[in-house]
Amino acid sequence: MPGRRLAAFLFAPILVLSFYNPFIMPRESFYARLFAKAYDPVMERLEERLLLSRRQELLGNVAGKVLEVGSGTGVNFPLYAPEAQVLAVEPSAAMMGRARRKLEEVPVVADIELVQASLEAPELEQRIAPESLDYIVCTLVLCTVPDLTDALSRFQRWLRPGGRLLAMEHIHDSRQPQKWLQQKFTPLWKHMAEGCHLNRPTDRLLKEAGFRPVREDYLHTKWIPFYWAVLEK
């Protein structure tokens, strides 16, 4: 039983991350509202143990024009400095509602504008001029992007020369049997979890898209690793 409880604890955050696909416009069903309500409580322990301190390190000195992709419930909002002008893009109305309440209830010093839109929305192309962004922030979202190559191409187009992509993402494990299990389970997992790729090598794909790591680190849990990086265009 202790082993089962440990496995449940380790996999619960992955389940939450995977069932939420911020790049597929969800139906705002009872489940969508329930999911948005449960997201922060389910992620709380993993955030406290591992992720929150790395979010703080990633975002604390960000300044200028920022695009946050798939901002969810607004976990990152309190971490931005006053110098940050953040356009936070989120397709889910349920998640957006949680984020709006967080802006009202939690101290936030940055200038944050919420926009309900998918990454591919024409509205973003109209609002974001080429080479106009200082930073793009992606935390726990790139695993679900249907066409990551297209998304990274957009990021390259929107970032100014020398602009930075800040990423913290779960990735395909290099350890066994985790790597084998993720590979075998991904076809079913994508069907169950609206496109989440357990076997996506996001770290490698970011570099292949032309982003150069300035700083990078790998964070390990028992079953899945995370890639933390500051990458430059």
Protein backbone atom coordinates (compact mmCIF):
# COMPACT_ATOMS: atom_id res chain seq x y z
CA MET A 1 0.00 0.00 0.00
CA PRO A 2 2.75 2.58 0.72
CA GLY A 3 4.10 1.92 -2.76
CA ARG A 4 0.69 2.50 -4.32
CA ARG A 5 0.24 5.74 -2.40
CA LEU A 6 3.67 6.91 -3.56
CA ALA A 7 2.86 6.07 -7.18
CA ALA A 8 -0.45 7.92 -6.92
CA PHE A 9 1.33 10.93 -5.47
CA LEU A 10 3.92 10.96 -8.24
CA PHE A 11 1.45 10.46 -11.08
CA ALA A 12 -1.35 12.79 -9.93
CA PRO A 13 0.41 15.99 -11.10
CA ILE A 14 1.21 14.36 -14.44
CA LEU A 15 -2.45 13.43 -14.86
CA VAL A 16 -3.48 17.01 -14.19
CA LEU A 17 -0.90 18.42 -16.59
CA SER A 18 -1.87 15.96 -19.26
CA PHE A 19 -5.65 16.25 -19.18
CA TYR A 20 -5.31 20.01 -19.54
CA ASN A 21 -4.43 20.95 -23.10
CA PRO A 22 -4.27 24.75 -23.38
CA PHE A 23 -3.86 24.55 -27.15
CA ILE A 24 -7.15 22.78 -27.87
CA MET A 25 -10.15 25.00 -27.19
CA PRO A 26 -12.05 22.99 -24.56
CA ARG A 27 -15.77 22.79 -24.14
CA GLU A 28 -16.51 24.70 -20.96
CA SER A 29 -18.21 21.70 -19.41
CA PHE A 30 -18.70 20.74 -15.81
CA TYR A 31 -15.45 18.78 -16.09
CA ALA A 32 -13.58 21.84 -17.38
CA ARG A 33 -14.78 23.88 -14.42
CA LEU A 34 -13.99 21.06 -12.01
CA PHE A 35 -10.55 20.63 -13.50
CA ALA A 36 -9.75 24.33 -13.14
CA LYS A 37 -10.88 24.20 -9.51
CA ALA A 38 -8.73 21.14 -8.77
CA TYR A 39 -5.57 22.17 -10.61
CA ASP A 40 -3.83 24.21 -7.91
CA PRO A 41 -4.66 21.86 -5.00
CA VAL A 42 -3.48 18.79 -6.93
CA MET A 43 -0.23 20.47 -7.98
CA GLU A 44 0.46 22.02 -4.58
CA ARG A 45 2.85 19.38 -3.21
CA LEU A 46 4.91 19.10 -6.38
CA GLU A 47 5.11 22.89 -6.55
CA GLU A 48 6.30 23.09 -2.94
CA ARG A 49 8.81 20.26 -3.32
CA LEU A 50 10.30 21.12 -6.67
CA LEU A 51 8.72 23.54 -9.10
CA LEU A 52 7.91 26.79 -7.31
CA SER A 53 11.50 27.68 -6.44
CA ARG A 54 12.53 27.05 -10.03
CA ARG A 55 9.66 29.20 -11.31
CA GLN A 56 10.90 32.01 -9.06
CA GLU A 57 14.42 31.63 -10.38
CA LEU A 58 13.18 31.59 -13.96
CA LEU A 59 10.87 34.63 -13.78
CA GLY A 60 12.07 36.88 -10.98
CA ASN A 61 14.22 39.18 -13.13
CA VAL A 62 12.04 39.28 -16.25
CA ALA A 63 11.44 42.81 -17.61
CA GLY A 64 9.93 44.26 -20.76
CA LYS A 65 7.36 42.74 -23.10
CA VAL A 66 6.44 39.17 -22.16
CA LEU A 67 4.14 36.57 -23.69
CA GLU A 68 3.08 33.80 -21.30
CA VAL A 69 1.71 30.85 -23.24
CA GLY A 70 -1.00 28.74 -21.59
CA SER A 71 -1.08 30.75 -18.36
CA GLY A 72 -3.67 28.48 -16.72
CA THR A 73 -4.73 29.55 -13.24
CA GLY A 74 -2.04 32.23 -13.07
CA VAL A 75 0.53 30.36 -11.00
CA ASN A 76 3.32 32.53 -12.40
CA PHE A 77 1.62 35.90 -11.94
CA PRO A 78 2.94 36.72 -8.44
CA LEU A 79 6.49 35.89 -9.53
CA TYR A 80 6.93 38.61 -12.14
CA ALA A 81 8.84 41.79 -11.31
CA PRO A 82 7.20 45.24 -11.64
CA GLU A 83 9.15 45.84 -14.86
CA ALA A 84 7.34 43.01 -16.69
CA GLN A 85 4.51 43.76 -19.13
CA VAL A 86 2.84 40.38 -19.51
CA LEU A 87 0.33 39.27 -22.13
CA ALA A 88 -1.03 36.05 -20.61
CA VAL A 89 -2.76 33.85 -23.20
CA GLU A 90 -5.19 31.16 -22.04
CA PRO A 91 -7.95 29.46 -24.09
CA SER A 92 -9.97 27.97 -21.22
CA ALA A 93 -12.64 30.24 -19.77
CA ALA A 94 -12.63 28.19 -16.56
CA MET A 95 -8.88 28.57 -16.14
CA MET A 96 -9.11 32.23 -17.10
CA GLY A 97 -11.71 32.78 -14.39
CA ARG A 98 -9.35 31.32 -11.79
CA ALA A 99 -6.53 33.51 -13.10
CA ARG A 100 -8.67 36.65 -12.85
CA ARG A 101 -9.53 35.84 -9.25
CA LYS A 102 -5.86 35.25 -8.50
CA LEU A 103 -5.04 38.71 -9.81
CA GLU A 104 -7.58 40.12 -7.36
CA GLU A 105 -6.61 38.02 -4.35
CA VAL A 106 -2.82 37.56 -4.59
CA PRO A 107 -0.26 40.39 -4.59
CA VAL A 108 0.86 40.93 -8.17
CA VAL A 109 3.21 43.79 -9.07
CA ALA A 110 3.62 43.25 -12.82
CA ASP A 111 1.36 44.67 -15.53
CA ILE A 112 -0.60 41.58 -16.63
CA GLU A 113 -3.23 41.48 -19.37
CA LEU A 114 -5.32 38.33 -19.77
CA VAL A 115 -6.41 37.22 -23.23
CA GLN A 116 -8.59 34.18 -23.86
CA ALA A 117 -7.16 32.78 -27.07
CA SER A 118 -5.32 29.78 -28.45
CA LEU A 119 -1.74 30.06 -29.58
CA GLU A 120 -2.80 29.92 -33.23
CA ALA A 121 -5.50 32.59 -32.91
CA PRO A 122 -5.36 35.33 -35.59
CA GLU A 123 -5.75 37.81 -32.74
CA LEU A 124 -2.25 37.02 -31.54
CA GLU A 125 -0.74 37.53 -34.97
CA GLN A 126 -2.46 40.91 -35.10
CA ARG A 127 -1.37 41.91 -31.61
CA ILE A 128 2.21 40.64 -31.60
CA ALA A 129 4.48 42.29 -34.13
CA PRO A 130 7.53 40.42 -35.43
CA GLU A 131 10.60 40.79 -33.19
CA SER A 132 8.60 42.70 -30.56
CA LEU A 133 8.87 40.44 -27.50
CA ASP A 134 11.64 40.38 -24.94
CA TYR A 135 10.52 37.08 -23.39
CA ILE A 136 8.23 34.14 -24.04
CA VAL A 137 7.35 32.03 -21.01
CA CYS A 138 6.31 28.36 -21.28
CA THR A 139 5.86 26.39 -18.07
CA LEU A 140 4.27 22.93 -18.24
CA VAL A 141 2.49 23.49 -21.53
CA LEU A 142 4.65 22.47 -24.50
CA CYS A 143 3.90 18.75 -24.02
CA THR A 144 0.39 19.38 -25.35
CA VAL A 145 1.04 21.59 -28.38
CA PRO A 146 -0.30 19.73 -31.45
CA ASP A 147 2.33 21.20 -33.77
CA LEU A 148 5.33 22.17 -31.69
CA THR A 149 7.43 22.94 -34.75
CA ASP A 150 4.90 25.59 -35.82
CA ALA A 151 4.72 27.00 -32.29
CA LEU A 152 8.49 27.35 -32.02
CA SER A 153 8.56 29.02 -35.42
CA ARG A 154 6.07 31.59 -34.11
CA PHE A 155 8.24 32.14 -31.06
CA GLN A 156 11.27 32.75 -33.26
CA ARG A 157 9.27 35.25 -35.29
CA TRP A 158 7.88 37.12 -32.29
CA LEU A 159 11.05 37.38 -30.19
CA ARG A 160 13.43 40.25 -30.79
CA PRO A 161 17.06 39.42 -31.61
CA GLY A 162 18.57 38.25 -28.35
CA GLY A 163 15.10 37.71 -26.86
CA ARG A 164 14.68 34.79 -24.52
CA LEU A 165 12.43 31.77 -24.21
CA LEU A 166 11.99 30.68 -20.58
CA ALA A 167 10.92 27.06 -20.29
CA MET A 168 10.12 24.50 -17.61
CA GLU A 169 8.65 21.37 -19.18
CA HIS A 170 8.38 17.65 -18.53
CA ILE A 171 10.29 15.61 -21.09
CA HIS A 172 10.98 12.07 -22.27
CA ASP A 173 13.08 10.28 -19.70
CA SER A 174 16.54 8.93 -20.53
CA ARG A 175 16.32 6.35 -17.73
CA GLN A 176 14.91 2.86 -18.00
CA PRO A 177 12.26 1.57 -17.51
CA GLN A 178 10.73 5.07 -17.46
CA LYS A 179 11.73 5.83 -21.06
CA TRP A 180 10.26 2.56 -22.33
CA LEU A 181 7.05 3.01 -20.36
CA GLN A 182 6.56 6.58 -21.60
CA GLN A 183 7.15 5.49 -25.19
CA LYS A 184 4.71 2.57 -24.99
CA PHE A 185 2.02 4.46 -23.10
CA THR A 186 2.05 7.69 -25.14
CA PRO A 187 -0.32 6.55 -27.97
CA LEU A 188 -3.01 5.70 -25.42
CA TRP A 189 -2.12 8.66 -23.22
CA LYS A 190 -2.54 11.10 -26.12
CA HIS A 191 -6.03 9.74 -26.72
CA MET A 192 -6.93 9.90 -23.04
CA ALA A 193 -5.19 13.18 -22.26
CA GLU A 194 -6.00 15.50 -25.18
CA GLY A 195 -2.64 15.33 -26.86
CA CYS A 196 -0.13 15.14 -24.03
CA HIS A 197 3.13 13.55 -25.19
CA LEU A 198 4.92 11.73 -22.39
CA ASN A 199 7.70 10.91 -24.85
CA ARG A 200 8.25 14.40 -26.27
CA PRO A 201 11.95 15.41 -26.17
CA THR A 202 11.15 19.08 -25.71
CA ASP A 203 14.70 19.93 -24.65
CA ARG A 204 16.11 18.65 -27.94
CA LEU A 205 13.33 20.19 -30.05
CA LEU A 206 13.90 23.64 -28.57
CA LYS A 207 17.56 23.51 -29.57
CA GLU A 208 16.79 22.15 -33.02
CA ALA A 209 14.44 25.12 -33.53
CA GLY A 210 17.41 27.46 -33.12
CA PHE A 211 17.15 28.40 -29.45
CA ARG A 212 20.52 28.52 -27.68
CA PRO A 213 20.63 27.52 -24.00
CA VAL A 214 22.12 30.22 -21.79
CA ARG A 215 21.31 28.21 -18.67
CA GLU A 216 19.72 24.79 -18.39
CA ASP A 217 19.05 22.15 -15.79
CA TYR A 218 17.28 18.81 -15.43
CA LEU A 219 14.96 18.20 -12.48
CA HIS A 220 14.15 14.59 -11.68
CA THR A 221 11.27 12.88 -9.95
CA LYS A 222 11.02 9.10 -9.76
CA TRP A 223 8.92 8.75 -12.90
CA ILE A 224 9.42 11.83 -15.04
CA PRO A 225 12.09 14.51 -15.54
CA PHE A 226 11.63 18.23 -16.11
CA TYR A 227 13.73 20.49 -18.31
CA TRP A 228 14.41 24.01 -16.93
CA ALA A 229 16.07 26.47 -19.28
CA VAL A 230 16.78 30.04 -20.29
CA LEU A 231 17.19 29.96 -24.07
CA GLU A 232 18.17 32.79 -26.40
CA LYS A 233 16.97 33.43 -29.92
